[in-house]
Amino acid sequence: MSAAETSGAPEQERATTDHATIDHATIDLASHDDHCREVLERAFEYLDGEMGPLDCDAVKTHLEECVSCLEQVREDERLKQVIREGCPCESAPEDLRARILVRITEVRVTSGS
């Protein structure tokens, strides 16, 4: 049983995505380093707008409170901008796009999403 399941937090307070779960009821109990690691692992998901609203709010709150994570996420954002500017007309070959879509579907099916 996970910490989220044993926390007694109401279901609506737990944010779930295809990748991870942030338990908002126990977020203060997790060590700061663990929370930083989770935020940084999901930085591109946050920057790409691929998080659910509760997870997005939790990351935003963390970034408002943690200067080192905010600096790293800003650096990631600058990297994405440089790539966009350097490759504005480039698109992935159709066979690569198809393989990626198949892989995403496989991951969703095996993770139960």
Protein backbone atom coordinates (compact mmCIF):
# COMPACT_ATOMS: atom_id res chain seq x y z
CA MET A 1 0.00 0.00 0.00
CA SER A 2 1.42 3.40 -0.95
CA ALA A 3 1.83 6.39 1.34
CA ALA A 4 -0.95 8.08 -0.62
CA GLU A 5 -3.31 5.21 0.09
CA THR A 6 -2.54 5.16 3.80
CA SER A 7 -2.61 8.92 4.35
CA GLY A 8 -6.36 9.01 4.65
CA ALA A 9 -6.44 11.94 2.22
CA PRO A 10 -9.65 12.33 0.27
CA GLU A 11 -9.41 11.15 -3.31
CA GLN A 12 -9.87 14.67 -4.73
CA GLU A 13 -6.77 15.87 -2.88
CA ARG A 14 -4.54 13.39 -4.70
CA ALA A 15 -3.47 14.43 -8.17
CA THR A 16 -2.72 11.63 -10.59
CA THR A 17 -1.10 11.65 -14.02
CA ASP A 18 0.18 8.90 -16.28
CA HIS A 19 3.62 9.38 -14.74
CA ALA A 20 3.29 9.90 -11.00
CA THR A 21 1.11 10.89 -8.08
CA ILE A 22 1.64 13.80 -5.75
CA ASP A 23 -0.22 13.33 -2.46
CA HIS A 24 -1.08 16.86 -1.39
CA ALA A 25 -2.09 15.78 2.11
CA THR A 26 1.38 14.39 2.88
CA ILE A 27 3.49 16.70 0.73
CA ASP A 28 4.81 18.52 3.83
CA LEU A 29 5.89 15.20 5.34
CA ALA A 30 8.17 14.35 2.42
CA SER A 31 11.72 15.56 2.71
CA HIS A 32 12.50 18.72 0.78
CA ASP A 33 15.13 16.89 -1.28
CA ASP A 34 12.62 14.24 -2.35
CA HIS A 35 10.12 16.87 -3.38
CA CYS A 36 12.83 18.78 -5.29
CA ARG A 37 13.81 15.58 -7.09
CA GLU A 38 10.19 14.89 -8.07
CA VAL A 39 9.64 18.46 -9.29
CA LEU A 40 12.84 18.41 -11.36
CA GLU A 41 12.06 14.98 -12.83
CA ARG A 42 8.72 16.33 -14.01
CA ALA A 43 9.93 19.79 -15.08
CA PHE A 44 9.36 19.27 -18.81
CA GLU A 45 5.92 17.83 -18.15
CA TYR A 46 5.18 21.04 -16.20
CA LEU A 47 6.69 23.32 -18.86
CA ASP A 48 4.81 21.52 -21.64
CA GLY A 49 1.47 21.91 -19.83
CA GLU A 50 1.01 18.15 -19.59
CA MET A 51 0.21 17.99 -15.85
CA GLY A 52 -3.17 17.84 -14.25
CA PRO A 53 -4.27 20.97 -12.40
CA LEU A 54 -3.51 19.67 -8.89
CA ASP A 55 0.00 18.50 -9.82
CA CYS A 56 0.61 21.76 -11.68
CA ASP A 57 -0.45 23.75 -8.60
CA ALA A 58 1.82 21.65 -6.37
CA VAL A 59 4.82 22.23 -8.66
CA LYS A 60 4.04 25.95 -8.95
CA THR A 61 3.85 26.24 -5.16
CA HIS A 62 7.15 24.40 -4.78
CA LEU A 63 8.82 26.67 -7.34
CA GLU A 64 7.55 29.74 -5.48
CA GLU A 65 9.24 28.43 -2.32
CA CYS A 66 12.42 26.83 -3.71
CA VAL A 67 14.88 29.10 -5.48
CA SER A 68 17.21 26.30 -6.61
CA CYS A 69 14.37 24.38 -8.31
CA LEU A 70 13.03 27.58 -9.86
CA GLU A 71 16.47 28.33 -11.33
CA GLN A 72 16.73 24.80 -12.77
CA VAL A 73 13.24 24.94 -14.29
CA ARG A 74 14.03 28.35 -15.80
CA GLU A 75 17.20 26.87 -17.29
CA ASP A 76 15.15 24.00 -18.75
CA GLU A 77 12.72 26.55 -20.17
CA ARG A 78 15.60 28.48 -21.79
CA LEU A 79 16.92 25.22 -23.27
CA LYS A 80 13.52 24.49 -24.81
CA GLN A 81 13.46 28.03 -26.27
CA VAL A 82 16.94 27.64 -27.80
CA ILE A 83 15.92 24.34 -29.38
CA ARG A 84 12.71 25.87 -30.76
CA GLU A 85 14.62 28.81 -32.23
CA GLY A 86 17.35 26.60 -33.69
CA CYS A 87 14.99 24.10 -35.29
CA PRO A 88 11.87 26.04 -36.27
CA CYS A 89 11.19 24.15 -39.49
CA GLU A 90 12.39 20.74 -38.48
CA SER A 91 9.85 18.01 -37.90
CA ALA A 92 10.35 14.41 -36.97
CA PRO A 93 10.22 11.86 -39.80
CA GLU A 94 6.81 10.21 -40.08
CA ASP A 95 8.15 6.74 -39.18
CA LEU A 96 9.71 8.13 -35.99
CA ARG A 97 6.47 9.87 -35.06
CA ALA A 98 4.56 6.61 -35.60
CA ARG A 99 7.01 4.63 -33.43
CA ILE A 100 6.73 7.20 -30.65
CA LEU A 101 2.92 7.08 -30.73
CA VAL A 102 3.01 3.27 -30.57
CA ARG A 103 5.38 3.42 -27.59
CA ILE A 104 3.20 5.97 -25.77
CA THR A 105 0.19 3.72 -26.28
CA GLU A 106 2.12 0.70 -25.00
CA VAL A 107 3.20 2.58 -21.87
CA ARG A 108 -0.36 3.75 -21.18
CA VAL A 109 -1.77 0.24 -21.63
CA THR A 110 0.84 -1.40 -19.38
CA SER A 111 0.50 1.30 -16.70
CA GLY A 112 -3.27 0.88 -16.62
CA SER A 113 -4.13 4.34 -17.90
